[in-house]
């Protein structure tokens, strides 16, 4: 297949199998999140085969995003649950610097945790499912989160990047896990600090 970028102004944008990204960022923190997203949906094409990706950054257990997620994981409704691990992004790595010390026990523990609970990147260089997942998809018609939750080995370069992220967050792992979750459970365990008061956002 081929990916095409388009805008909601094009009435034909939904022809074919079109994926549209609705960047909801901190909408789940709004008091009336469902209402707000409902007002955004008319801008999305209604054509057959048009798929919407709800992308959430800020999230809390029990909020609108979490409820959507739980329904999708349970197979209820039309939504599908998709999780993208931070370490899949090739830019999230950096080489060792001269002033870098050895990895701390905490950093090594983080690596061990991701090796146990991390998620495997599902696509090969050709953009198709890796062979192991192709077999699963042929067998049951889809690939679930459990199929890619097989563990992942973080490289040294990724750990050095993570070190910088932790330093920028003043060691607050709740902030780190909010922006750079390694699993869905971690993503919904915390939403970090609310820098903008909810009444201002409303």
Protein backbone atom coordinates (compact mmCIF):
# COMPACT_ATOMS: atom_id res chain seq x y z
CA UNK A 1 0.00 0.00 0.00
CA UNK A 2 0.85 3.67 -0.11
CA UNK A 3 0.40 6.40 2.47
CA UNK A 4 -1.02 9.76 1.38
CA UNK A 5 -1.27 12.92 3.45
CA UNK A 6 -4.41 14.97 2.94
CA UNK A 7 -6.68 17.44 4.72
CA UNK A 8 -10.32 17.40 5.78
CA UNK A 9 -11.03 20.04 3.10
CA UNK A 10 -10.72 17.36 0.42
CA UNK A 11 -14.10 15.64 0.14
CA UNK A 12 -12.42 12.60 -1.42
CA UNK A 13 -9.91 12.19 1.41
CA UNK A 14 -11.66 9.08 2.71
CA UNK A 15 -11.78 7.19 -0.57
CA UNK A 16 -9.90 3.92 -0.20
CA UNK A 17 -8.42 2.81 3.09
CA UNK A 18 -7.49 6.12 4.68
CA UNK A 19 -5.93 6.53 8.11
CA UNK A 20 -6.51 9.90 9.73
CA UNK A 21 -4.70 10.97 12.87
CA UNK A 22 -6.73 12.89 15.45
CA UNK A 23 -4.12 14.35 17.83
CA UNK A 24 -6.03 14.59 21.09
CA UNK A 25 -2.97 15.27 23.26
CA UNK A 26 -4.37 16.45 26.62
CA UNK A 27 -8.07 16.29 25.76
CA UNK A 28 -8.60 13.44 28.30
CA UNK A 29 -7.78 15.99 31.02
CA UNK A 30 -10.72 18.17 29.93
CA UNK A 31 -13.81 17.94 32.12
CA UNK A 32 -15.96 17.14 29.07
CA UNK A 33 -13.46 15.13 26.99
CA UNK A 34 -16.07 13.01 25.17
CA UNK A 35 -18.07 16.11 24.21
CA UNK A 36 -14.93 17.90 22.98
CA UNK A 37 -13.86 14.97 20.79
CA UNK A 38 -17.41 14.63 19.51
CA UNK A 39 -17.20 18.22 18.28
CA UNK A 40 -13.94 17.41 16.44
CA UNK A 41 -15.25 14.34 14.63
CA UNK A 42 -17.26 16.23 11.94
CA UNK A 43 -13.90 17.31 10.50
CA UNK A 44 -13.07 13.64 9.85
CA UNK A 45 -14.11 11.99 6.62
CA UNK A 46 -17.05 9.59 6.91
CA UNK A 47 -16.24 7.61 3.75
CA UNK A 48 -16.13 3.83 3.92
CA UNK A 49 -12.64 2.58 4.67
CA UNK A 50 -11.62 5.75 6.48
CA UNK A 51 -9.92 4.92 9.79
CA UNK A 52 -9.30 7.40 12.61
CA UNK A 53 -6.30 7.10 14.93
CA UNK A 54 -6.99 8.75 18.28
CA UNK A 55 -3.59 9.78 19.60
CA UNK A 56 -3.39 10.61 23.30
CA UNK A 57 -0.38 11.95 25.18
CA UNK A 58 -1.82 12.83 28.57
CA UNK A 59 -3.73 9.98 30.17
CA UNK A 60 -5.00 8.84 33.56
CA UNK A 61 -6.56 5.61 34.75
CA UNK A 62 -10.31 6.08 34.44
CA UNK A 63 -10.26 9.02 32.04
CA UNK A 64 -11.79 9.15 28.56
CA UNK A 65 -8.68 7.78 26.82
CA UNK A 66 -8.39 4.92 29.30
CA UNK A 67 -12.04 3.95 28.86
CA UNK A 68 -11.62 3.93 25.07
CA UNK A 69 -8.49 1.83 25.49
CA UNK A 70 -10.14 -0.75 27.78
CA UNK A 71 -13.10 -1.17 25.43
CA UNK A 72 -10.77 -1.64 22.47
CA UNK A 73 -8.57 -4.17 24.29
CA UNK A 74 -11.72 -6.09 25.24
CA UNK A 75 -12.82 -6.14 21.60
CA UNK A 76 -15.91 -4.00 22.26
CA UNK A 77 -16.99 -1.47 19.67
CA UNK A 78 -15.16 -0.60 16.46
CA UNK A 79 -11.92 0.71 17.97
CA UNK A 80 -8.65 -1.21 18.05
CA UNK A 81 -5.96 -0.70 20.69
CA UNK A 82 -2.54 0.32 19.35
CA UNK A 83 0.51 0.98 21.51
CA UNK A 84 3.78 2.44 20.19
CA UNK A 85 6.78 2.03 22.48
CA UNK A 86 9.19 4.96 22.77
CA UNK A 87 12.22 2.87 21.80
CA UNK A 88 10.77 2.21 18.33
CA UNK A 89 11.62 5.81 17.41
CA UNK A 90 15.10 5.73 15.84
CA UNK A 91 15.85 9.29 17.02
CA UNK A 92 15.44 8.27 20.66
CA UNK A 93 19.08 7.25 21.06
CA UNK A 94 22.43 8.96 21.40
CA UNK A 95 26.07 7.85 21.39
CA UNK A 96 28.15 7.65 24.53
CA UNK A 97 29.85 10.88 25.61
CA UNK A 98 33.23 11.21 27.30
CA UNK A 99 31.60 12.36 30.55
CA UNK A 100 29.14 9.44 30.66
CA UNK A 101 29.74 7.19 33.62
CA UNK A 102 28.84 3.50 33.77
CA UNK A 103 25.19 2.52 33.83
CA UNK A 104 23.62 2.72 37.27
CA UNK A 105 21.80 -0.23 38.86
CA UNK A 106 18.52 1.65 38.25
CA UNK A 107 19.29 2.00 34.54
CA UNK A 108 20.20 -1.67 34.27
CA UNK A 109 16.99 -2.59 36.14
CA UNK A 110 15.03 -0.52 33.60
CA UNK A 111 16.70 -2.40 30.75
CA UNK A 112 15.91 -5.75 32.42
CA UNK A 113 12.27 -4.69 32.87
CA UNK A 114 11.92 -3.79 29.20
CA UNK A 115 13.56 -7.11 28.28
CA UNK A 116 10.73 -8.82 30.17
CA UNK A 117 7.78 -6.52 29.44
CA UNK A 118 8.76 -4.58 26.32
CA UNK A 119 6.99 -4.74 22.97
CA UNK A 120 8.58 -5.92 19.76
CA UNK A 121 8.38 -3.60 16.74
CA UNK A 122 5.89 -5.40 14.47
CA UNK A 123 7.04 -4.21 11.03
CA UNK A 124 10.06 -5.14 8.93
CA UNK A 125 12.03 -2.81 6.65
CA UNK A 126 9.52 -3.53 3.86
CA UNK A 127 6.70 -2.06 5.97
CA UNK A 128 4.98 -5.44 6.34
CA UNK A 129 4.48 -7.51 9.47
CA UNK A 130 7.57 -9.45 10.47
CA UNK A 131 7.30 -13.15 9.47
CA UNK A 132 6.37 -14.35 12.95
CA UNK A 133 3.46 -11.91 13.10
CA UNK A 134 2.39 -12.63 9.52
CA UNK A 135 1.72 -16.21 10.59
CA UNK A 136 -0.35 -15.01 13.56
CA UNK A 137 -2.28 -12.55 11.36
CA UNK A 138 -3.07 -15.26 8.83
CA UNK A 139 -4.27 -17.56 11.60
CA UNK A 140 -6.60 -15.20 13.47
CA UNK A 141 -7.02 -12.18 11.19
CA UNK A 142 -5.31 -9.64 13.42
CA UNK A 143 -2.33 -9.04 15.69
CA UNK A 144 -3.00 -8.22 19.34
CA UNK A 145 -0.83 -6.40 21.88
CA UNK A 146 -0.13 -9.72 23.56
CA UNK A 147 1.43 -10.96 20.32
CA UNK A 148 4.13 -8.27 20.37
CA UNK A 149 4.66 -8.22 24.16
CA UNK A 150 7.65 -10.54 23.96
CA UNK A 151 10.33 -8.33 25.52
CA UNK A 152 12.80 -5.93 23.96
CA UNK A 153 16.52 -5.36 24.50
CA UNK A 154 17.41 -1.68 24.84
CA UNK A 155 20.71 -0.70 23.25
CA UNK A 156 23.34 1.30 25.13
CA UNK A 157 22.49 4.28 22.92
CA UNK A 158 18.85 4.09 23.96
CA UNK A 159 19.84 3.94 27.63
CA UNK A 160 22.02 7.04 27.19
CA UNK A 161 19.04 8.82 25.64
CA UNK A 162 16.86 7.70 28.55
CA UNK A 163 19.48 9.03 30.96
CA UNK A 164 19.09 12.49 29.43
CA UNK A 165 15.29 12.25 29.61
CA UNK A 166 15.43 11.32 33.31
CA UNK A 167 17.80 14.20 34.00
CA UNK A 168 15.47 16.64 32.19
CA UNK A 169 12.60 15.37 34.36
CA UNK A 170 14.69 15.91 37.53
CA UNK A 171 14.57 12.19 38.20
CA UNK A 172 10.75 12.09 38.25
CA UNK A 173 10.03 8.68 36.67
CA UNK A 174 6.29 9.41 36.57
CA UNK A 175 7.05 12.20 34.09
CA UNK A 176 9.37 9.94 32.11
CA UNK A 177 6.87 7.08 31.97
CA UNK A 178 4.13 9.50 30.91
CA UNK A 179 6.03 10.75 27.87
CA UNK A 180 8.10 7.63 27.18
CA UNK A 181 6.10 4.56 28.27
CA UNK A 182 7.51 1.10 27.54
CA UNK A 183 4.15 -0.64 28.00
CA UNK A 184 0.44 0.28 28.00
CA UNK A 185 0.27 -0.47 31.73
CA UNK A 186 2.97 2.11 32.41
CA UNK A 187 1.33 4.60 30.04
CA UNK A 188 -1.90 4.54 32.02
CA UNK A 189 -0.31 4.26 35.45
CA UNK A 190 0.51 7.96 35.52
CA UNK A 191 -0.10 11.15 33.61
CA UNK A 192 2.67 13.11 35.30
CA UNK A 193 2.15 16.58 36.73
CA UNK A 194 -0.67 18.77 35.45
CA UNK A 195 1.11 21.97 34.46
CA UNK A 196 -2.09 23.71 33.32
CA UNK A 197 -5.05 23.95 35.74
CA UNK A 198 -8.14 22.05 34.45
CA UNK A 199 -10.34 25.16 34.77
CA UNK A 200 -8.03 27.04 32.37
CA UNK A 201 -8.17 24.16 29.88
CA UNK A 202 -11.98 24.09 30.08
